Amino acid sequence: MRHLIDFGDLTREEWERLYARTSEIIDAPEQFIDACRGRVSCNLFYEPSTRTNFSFQTAMMRLGGSVFGFADPNSSSVSKGESIKDTVKMVSNYADVVVMRTPWEGSAKAASLYSNVPVVNAGDGGHMHPTQTMADLTTITRLRGGVDGLCVGLCGDLKNGRTVHSLIKALAKFNDIKFFLISPRELAVPDYMRVFMREHQMWFTEVTGLEAVIPQLDVLYMTRIQKERFVDPLEYERNKGIYVLTRRKLERARPDMLVMHPLPRVDEITVDVDDDPRAVYFQQARYGMFARMALLEHLALQPRDEYPAPVEIGTRPICRNPRCITQTEHYLPPLVKRIGGVDCCGFCDAALG
């Protein structure tokens, strides 16, 4: 595994090896304080982040490595118009691994084509967030003992929720998972995720109400309505606050159900839920740091690729998704992949044609 762009790129066996390493780190972190001594991570964060950025920084420092990068692209040559290709080619001269978050879908995939070192997708717009999924699976496995056979409720903005998309792809690797997809119709999962679930014969149903299904759930994964992803401010106003988890609603839930959230929350979980033993979202953030330690140890110790394969030069974007990285980085090659028998963009997964 040279890069981590999409959790779907991992086999279940590869994930289980990473989880086993994560468990070793959780149980004895002092044994890993020199695991990445002398190694350097470059964190390129083109949009705001607290948990993910801090988590990656502390993960590398706890391994004995060091970190550089930016949390504001305006403080870098990006503000002068530097392309993702040139930025990544430059920083991969200095770093052993590149961690990247941007608002553009498919940007981490684009960066991986030009980097001499492994690239980690720390969130690309509303597309994917595979290391959050590592945090999620670590939390579920540590607290429930396993993942197979779970009934999972995904609630909130499922259209723009990259954490949701990554989690669905990850859970396709496990057995007998049932999904309740809880969202307003205009914020339902994208078509490419429905195609993916059908292609992998995953059981799912789409509903608009939370309270009716909460008694059936083993895991309730809450997400916020993401204001920054809305083109139309009125659409955001119509949907904000539509799902709010309270202690009263939890009275109908199973006593061992896990309440999870990738954070930050806005108003979708009231603060009185925090003291409920089923609320594990702050533990989830800590487990995410340990999972990223396991990932960075694996990737940062890989040898540099001094002679990456040449990449075709694109002439025009073939994808019509306005949030796709190909809309702004026109040199990118015209990558196409098949999802459910449909030709899709190789960067953002949107259907072509």
Protein backbone atom coordinates (compact mmCIF):
# COMPACT_ATOMS: atom_id res chain seq x y z
CA MET A 1 0.00 0.00 0.00
CA ARG A 2 1.83 3.08 -1.22
CA HIS A 3 -0.95 5.65 -0.68
CA LEU A 4 -4.22 5.79 1.27
CA ILE A 5 -6.68 7.65 -0.96
CA ASP A 6 -9.86 5.61 -0.49
CA PHE A 7 -10.55 3.04 2.22
CA GLY A 8 -11.96 0.83 -0.52
CA ASP A 9 -8.37 0.37 -1.73
CA LEU A 10 -7.62 -1.74 1.38
CA THR A 11 -8.49 -5.39 1.70
CA ARG A 12 -10.03 -6.61 4.94
CA GLU A 13 -6.75 -8.40 5.71
CA GLU A 14 -4.75 -5.20 5.26
CA TRP A 15 -7.13 -3.35 7.57
CA GLU A 16 -6.91 -6.11 10.19
CA ARG A 17 -3.11 -5.84 10.15
CA LEU A 18 -3.35 -2.09 10.63
CA TYR A 19 -5.89 -2.56 13.42
CA ALA A 20 -3.64 -5.11 15.14
CA ARG A 21 -0.82 -2.56 15.06
CA THR A 22 -3.18 0.14 16.34
CA SER A 23 -4.12 -2.10 19.28
CA GLU A 24 -0.47 -2.65 20.11
CA ILE A 25 0.08 1.11 20.14
CA ILE A 26 -3.01 1.74 22.31
CA ASP A 27 -1.88 -0.87 24.83
CA ALA A 28 1.80 0.20 25.00
CA PRO A 29 2.38 3.60 23.33
CA GLU A 30 5.74 4.02 25.09
CA GLN A 31 7.17 1.25 22.91
CA PHE A 32 6.70 3.33 19.75
CA ILE A 33 8.32 6.62 20.74
CA ASP A 34 11.19 6.09 18.28
CA ALA A 35 9.35 4.22 15.53
CA CYS A 36 9.62 7.16 13.09
CA ARG A 37 12.69 8.89 14.49
CA GLY A 38 14.20 10.98 11.70
CA ARG A 39 11.08 10.76 9.51
CA VAL A 40 9.13 13.84 8.42
CA SER A 41 5.46 14.34 7.60
CA CYS A 42 4.17 17.23 5.48
CA ASN A 43 0.59 18.26 6.32
CA LEU A 44 -1.11 20.26 3.54
CA PHE A 45 -4.45 21.52 4.86
CA TYR A 46 -6.23 23.68 2.30
CA GLU A 47 -9.36 23.99 4.48
CA PRO A 48 -9.97 24.34 8.24
CA SER A 49 -9.42 21.33 10.48
CA THR A 50 -8.95 20.79 14.19
CA ARG A 51 -9.17 17.07 14.98
CA THR A 52 -7.67 15.66 11.79
CA ASN A 53 -4.77 18.12 11.60
CA PHE A 54 -3.92 17.90 15.30
CA SER A 55 -4.38 14.13 15.26
CA PHE A 56 -1.90 13.66 12.42
CA GLN A 57 0.58 16.06 14.01
CA THR A 58 0.49 14.39 17.42
CA ALA A 59 0.54 10.93 15.82
CA MET A 60 3.84 11.67 14.05
CA MET A 61 5.35 13.37 17.09
CA ARG A 62 4.40 10.45 19.36
CA LEU A 63 6.28 8.21 16.91
CA GLY A 64 9.38 10.40 17.28
CA GLY A 65 9.04 12.07 13.88
CA SER A 66 8.55 15.70 12.95
CA VAL A 67 5.94 17.69 11.02
CA PHE A 68 5.82 20.73 8.74
CA GLY A 69 3.23 22.15 6.36
CA PHE A 70 0.43 24.70 6.34
CA ALA A 71 -3.07 25.03 7.77
CA ASP A 72 -3.84 28.06 5.61
CA PRO A 73 -3.01 27.92 1.89
CA ASN A 74 -2.83 31.73 1.81
CA SER A 75 0.44 31.46 3.71
CA SER A 76 1.98 29.35 0.94
CA SER A 77 2.71 29.56 -2.78
CA VAL A 78 -0.78 28.23 -3.39
CA SER A 79 -1.89 31.86 -2.99
CA LYS A 80 0.30 32.68 -6.00
CA GLY A 81 -1.46 30.10 -8.14
CA GLU A 82 0.81 27.09 -7.66
CA SER A 83 -0.83 23.86 -8.82
CA ILE A 84 -1.36 20.80 -6.64
CA LYS A 85 1.08 18.93 -8.87
CA ASP A 86 3.89 21.43 -8.28
CA THR A 87 3.17 21.77 -4.56
CA VAL A 88 3.27 18.01 -4.06
CA LYS A 89 6.38 17.56 -6.22
CA MET A 90 8.12 20.18 -4.08
CA VAL A 91 7.13 18.96 -0.62
CA SER A 92 7.84 15.34 -1.48
CA ASN A 93 11.47 16.43 -1.84
CA TYR A 94 11.45 17.26 1.87
CA ALA A 95 9.02 14.77 3.46
CA ASP A 96 8.62 11.02 3.86
CA VAL A 97 4.80 11.16 3.75
CA VAL A 98 2.27 13.81 2.65
CA VAL A 99 -1.05 14.27 4.48
CA MET A 100 -3.53 16.30 2.49
CA ARG A 101 -6.96 17.89 3.02
CA THR A 102 -8.70 20.05 0.44
CA PRO A 103 -12.24 21.15 -0.47
CA TRP A 104 -11.87 19.61 -3.97
CA GLU A 105 -13.09 16.07 -4.61
CA GLY A 106 -10.41 13.77 -5.98
CA SER A 107 -7.51 16.03 -5.01
CA ALA A 108 -5.65 13.39 -2.99
CA LYS A 109 -5.83 11.00 -5.93
CA ALA A 110 -4.45 13.76 -8.14
CA ALA A 111 -1.58 14.42 -5.71
CA SER A 112 -0.68 10.73 -5.56
CA LEU A 113 0.05 10.71 -9.29
CA TYR A 114 2.96 13.13 -8.83
CA SER A 115 4.35 12.41 -5.37
CA ASN A 116 7.62 10.59 -4.68
CA VAL A 117 6.34 9.58 -1.23
CA PRO A 118 3.06 8.16 0.09
CA VAL A 119 0.03 10.46 0.09
CA VAL A 120 -2.71 10.19 2.71
CA ASN A 121 -6.18 11.54 1.99
CA ALA A 122 -7.22 13.51 5.08
CA GLY A 123 -10.50 14.54 3.42
CA ASP A 124 -11.21 15.67 -0.14
CA GLY A 125 -14.31 17.86 -0.19
CA GLY A 126 -17.51 15.86 0.24
CA HIS A 127 -15.93 12.75 -1.27
CA MET A 128 -13.89 10.52 1.10
CA HIS A 129 -12.14 10.55 4.49
CA PRO A 130 -10.44 7.16 4.93
CA THR A 131 -8.48 7.90 8.10
CA GLN A 132 -11.66 8.97 9.90
CA THR A 133 -12.96 5.54 8.94
CA MET A 134 -9.90 4.02 10.60
CA ALA A 135 -10.89 5.89 13.76
CA ASP A 136 -14.47 4.66 13.39
CA LEU A 137 -13.57 1.00 12.89
CA THR A 138 -11.05 1.09 15.72
CA THR A 139 -13.72 2.50 18.05
CA ILE A 140 -16.33 -0.08 17.06
CA THR A 141 -13.92 -3.00 17.30
CA ARG A 142 -12.42 -1.96 20.64
CA LEU A 143 -15.78 -1.26 22.27
CA ARG A 144 -17.95 -3.98 20.70
CA GLY A 145 -15.37 -6.67 20.00
CA GLY A 146 -16.02 -6.83 16.26
CA VAL A 147 -17.81 -5.34 13.29
CA ASP A 148 -19.63 -8.21 11.56
CA GLY A 149 -23.41 -8.38 11.93
CA LEU A 150 -24.02 -4.79 13.02
CA CYS A 151 -27.05 -2.63 12.33
CA VAL A 152 -25.73 0.87 11.61
CA GLY A 153 -27.68 4.11 11.40
CA LEU A 154 -26.04 6.94 9.42
CA CYS A 155 -27.82 10.20 10.18
CA GLY A 156 -27.59 13.74 8.81
CA ASP A 157 -25.92 15.09 5.68
CA LEU A 158 -25.24 11.90 3.76
CA LYS A 159 -24.81 13.70 0.45
CA ASN A 160 -21.76 15.74 1.46
CA GLY A 161 -20.61 13.54 4.35
CA ARG A 162 -17.25 12.18 3.24
CA THR A 163 -16.93 10.30 6.54
CA VAL A 164 -20.17 8.47 5.72
CA HIS A 165 -19.03 7.55 2.21
CA SER A 166 -15.74 6.15 3.50
CA LEU A 167 -17.47 4.20 6.28
CA ILE A 168 -19.91 2.59 3.85
CA LYS A 169 -17.02 1.49 1.64
CA ALA A 170 -15.19 0.08 4.65
CA LEU A 171 -18.18 -1.85 5.98
CA ALA A 172 -18.59 -3.55 2.61
CA LYS A 173 -15.61 -5.67 3.72
CA PHE A 174 -17.55 -7.10 6.66
CA ASN A 175 -20.42 -9.59 6.87
CA ASP A 176 -24.15 -9.04 7.47
CA ILE A 177 -24.07 -5.25 7.88
CA LYS A 178 -27.42 -3.46 7.72
CA PHE A 179 -27.68 0.27 7.04
CA PHE A 180 -30.43 2.71 7.94
CA LEU A 181 -29.62 5.84 5.92
CA ILE A 182 -31.36 8.68 7.75
CA SER A 183 -31.47 12.01 5.92
CA PRO A 184 -33.76 14.51 4.22
CA ARG A 185 -34.26 13.56 0.57
CA GLU A 186 -32.12 16.42 -0.74
CA LEU A 187 -29.20 15.27 1.45
CA ALA A 188 -29.40 11.55 0.65
CA VAL A 189 -26.30 9.56 -0.29
CA PRO A 190 -24.94 10.26 -3.80
CA ASP A 191 -25.92 7.93 -6.62
CA TYR A 192 -22.42 6.44 -6.84
CA MET A 193 -22.72 5.25 -3.23
CA ARG A 194 -26.10 3.60 -3.94
CA VAL A 195 -24.55 1.89 -6.95
CA PHE A 196 -21.65 0.76 -4.77
CA MET A 197 -23.95 -0.70 -2.10
CA ARG A 198 -26.06 -2.56 -4.64
CA GLU A 199 -22.96 -3.85 -6.41
CA HIS A 200 -21.70 -5.24 -3.11
CA GLN A 201 -25.13 -6.63 -2.15
CA MET A 202 -25.30 -4.53 1.00
CA TRP A 203 -28.62 -4.28 2.85
CA PHE A 204 -29.79 -0.68 3.20
CA THR A 205 -32.94 1.35 3.51
CA GLU A 206 -33.36 5.11 3.23
CA VAL A 207 -35.60 6.86 5.77
CA THR A 208 -36.23 10.46 6.81
CA GLY A 209 -36.93 9.90 10.53
CA LEU A 210 -34.54 8.96 13.35
CA GLU A 211 -36.80 8.08 16.25
CA ALA A 212 -38.62 5.20 14.51
CA VAL A 213 -35.42 3.29 13.76
CA ILE A 214 -33.23 4.05 16.77
CA PRO A 215 -34.37 0.95 18.75
CA GLN A 216 -32.93 -1.30 16.01
CA LEU A 217 -29.43 0.17 15.91
CA ASP A 218 -26.11 -1.12 17.26
CA VAL A 219 -24.31 2.02 16.09
CA LEU A 220 -25.77 5.49 15.52
CA TYR A 221 -23.37 7.62 13.47
CA MET A 222 -24.47 11.26 13.66
CA THR A 223 -23.15 13.90 11.25
CA ARG A 224 -23.63 17.64 11.06
CA ILE A 225 -25.36 19.48 8.24
CA GLN A 226 -22.29 20.89 6.48
CA LYS A 227 -22.89 24.56 5.78
CA GLU A 228 -19.63 24.94 3.84
CA ARG A 229 -20.75 22.37 1.22
CA PHE A 230 -23.99 24.16 0.26
CA VAL A 231 -24.10 26.27 -2.88
CA ASP A 232 -27.56 27.60 -1.98
CA PRO A 233 -27.71 29.19 1.53
CA LEU A 234 -31.49 28.72 1.59
CA GLU A 235 -31.08 24.97 1.20
CA TYR A 236 -28.82 24.96 4.27
CA GLU A 237 -31.36 26.98 6.27
CA ARG A 238 -34.09 24.46 5.37
CA ASN A 239 -32.04 21.52 6.61
CA LYS A 240 -30.04 22.75 9.61
CA GLY A 241 -31.24 21.38 12.92
CA ILE A 242 -33.41 18.74 11.27
CA TYR A 243 -31.91 15.91 13.38
CA VAL A 244 -31.08 16.47 17.04
CA LEU A 245 -30.15 13.59 19.34
CA THR A 246 -31.25 14.15 22.95
CA ARG A 247 -31.22 12.08 26.14
CA ARG A 248 -34.96 11.57 25.74
CA LYS A 249 -34.53 10.02 22.30
CA LEU A 250 -31.77 7.78 23.67
CA GLU A 251 -34.28 6.22 26.08
CA ARG A 252 -35.56 4.16 23.15
CA ALA A 253 -32.09 2.95 22.12
CA ARG A 254 -30.37 -0.29 23.08
CA PRO A 255 -28.26 -0.10 26.25
CA ASP A 256 -25.11 -1.08 24.34
CA MET A 257 -25.65 1.09 21.26
CA LEU A 258 -22.69 3.31 20.38
CA VAL A 259 -23.30 6.98 19.59
CA MET A 260 -20.55 8.13 17.25
CA HIS A 261 -19.78 11.40 15.47
CA PRO A 262 -16.73 12.46 13.40
CA LEU A 263 -16.95 15.95 14.96
CA PRO A 264 -17.21 18.89 15.07
CA ARG A 265 -20.82 18.93 16.16
CA VAL A 266 -23.06 21.96 15.89
CA ASP A 267 -26.54 21.26 17.25
CA GLU A 268 -27.16 17.64 16.21
CA ILE A 269 -26.20 16.14 19.61
CA THR A 270 -27.22 18.00 22.76
CA VAL A 271 -24.57 18.38 25.45
CA ASP A 272 -26.60 16.35 27.94
CA VAL A 273 -25.86 13.26 25.82
CA ASP A 274 -22.12 13.60 26.53
CA ASP A 275 -22.40 11.92 29.93
CA ASP A 276 -24.32 8.91 28.58
CA PRO A 277 -21.97 5.87 28.52
CA ARG A 278 -23.11 5.14 24.98
CA ALA A 279 -21.68 8.47 23.74
CA VAL A 280 -18.18 7.58 22.51
CA TYR A 281 -17.35 10.39 20.09
CA PHE A 282 -14.56 11.84 22.21
CA GLN A 283 -13.02 8.38 22.67
CA GLN A 284 -13.39 8.01 18.91
CA ALA A 285 -11.14 11.05 18.39
CA ARG A 286 -8.44 9.56 20.65
CA TYR A 287 -8.62 6.18 18.92
CA GLY A 288 -8.19 8.06 15.64
CA MET A 289 -4.81 9.37 16.78
CA PHE A 290 -3.60 5.84 17.54
CA ALA A 291 -4.92 4.54 14.20
CA ARG A 292 -3.04 7.32 12.40
CA MET A 293 0.10 6.40 14.31
CA ALA A 294 -0.16 2.86 12.90
CA LEU A 295 -0.72 4.22 9.40
CA LEU A 296 2.13 6.75 9.52
CA GLU A 297 4.54 4.15 10.87
CA HIS A 298 3.67 1.92 7.91
CA LEU A 299 3.86 4.62 5.23
CA ALA A 300 6.67 6.89 6.41
CA LEU A 301 9.15 4.00 6.50
CA GLN A 302 8.60 3.13 2.85
CA PRO A 303 11.44 3.93 0.43
CA ARG A 304 11.08 6.96 -1.84
CA ASP A 305 9.94 6.38 -5.38
CA GLU A 306 12.63 8.31 -7.23
CA TYR A 307 11.22 7.50 -10.68
CA PRO A 308 7.40 7.56 -10.60
CA ALA A 309 5.64 6.51 -13.79
CA PRO A 310 5.00 9.32 -16.29
CA VAL A 311 1.48 10.73 -16.24
CA GLU A 312 -0.53 11.61 -19.33
CA ILE A 313 -1.22 15.32 -19.73
CA GLY A 314 -4.91 16.18 -19.84
CA THR A 315 -6.41 18.69 -22.23
CA ARG A 316 -9.85 19.33 -20.72
CA PRO A 317 -11.93 18.10 -17.79
CA ILE A 318 -14.09 15.11 -18.64
CA CYS A 319 -16.03 15.24 -15.38
CA ARG A 320 -18.98 17.61 -14.98
CA ASN A 321 -18.99 17.53 -11.18
CA PRO A 322 -18.31 21.22 -10.33
CA ARG A 323 -16.45 20.18 -7.16
CA CYS A 324 -14.09 17.76 -8.93
CA ILE A 325 -10.39 18.60 -8.93
CA THR A 326 -10.34 18.24 -12.73
CA GLN A 327 -12.36 21.45 -13.04
CA THR A 328 -9.41 23.55 -11.87
CA GLU A 329 -6.32 21.39 -12.51
CA HIS A 330 -6.69 20.92 -16.27
CA TYR A 331 -3.38 19.08 -16.75
CA LEU A 332 -4.77 15.99 -14.99
CA PRO A 333 -5.20 12.85 -17.11
CA PRO A 334 -8.72 11.68 -18.06
CA LEU A 335 -9.04 8.84 -15.53
CA VAL A 336 -12.13 6.64 -15.83
CA LYS A 337 -13.24 3.72 -13.64
CA ARG A 338 -16.25 1.44 -13.65
CA ILE A 339 -18.66 1.51 -10.70
CA GLY A 340 -21.66 -0.79 -11.02
CA GLY A 341 -21.16 -1.03 -14.77
CA VAL A 342 -21.16 2.78 -15.16
CA ASP A 343 -18.21 4.88 -16.36
CA CYS A 344 -17.22 7.23 -13.52
CA CYS A 345 -14.57 9.87 -12.93
CA GLY A 346 -11.39 8.28 -11.64
CA PHE A 347 -10.89 11.19 -9.24
CA CYS A 348 -14.29 11.98 -7.67
CA ASP A 349 -16.38 8.88 -8.58
CA ALA A 350 -19.14 10.94 -10.22
CA ALA A 351 -20.87 9.30 -13.19
CA LEU A 352 -19.67 10.50 -16.60
CA GLY A 353 -21.77 11.34 -19.61
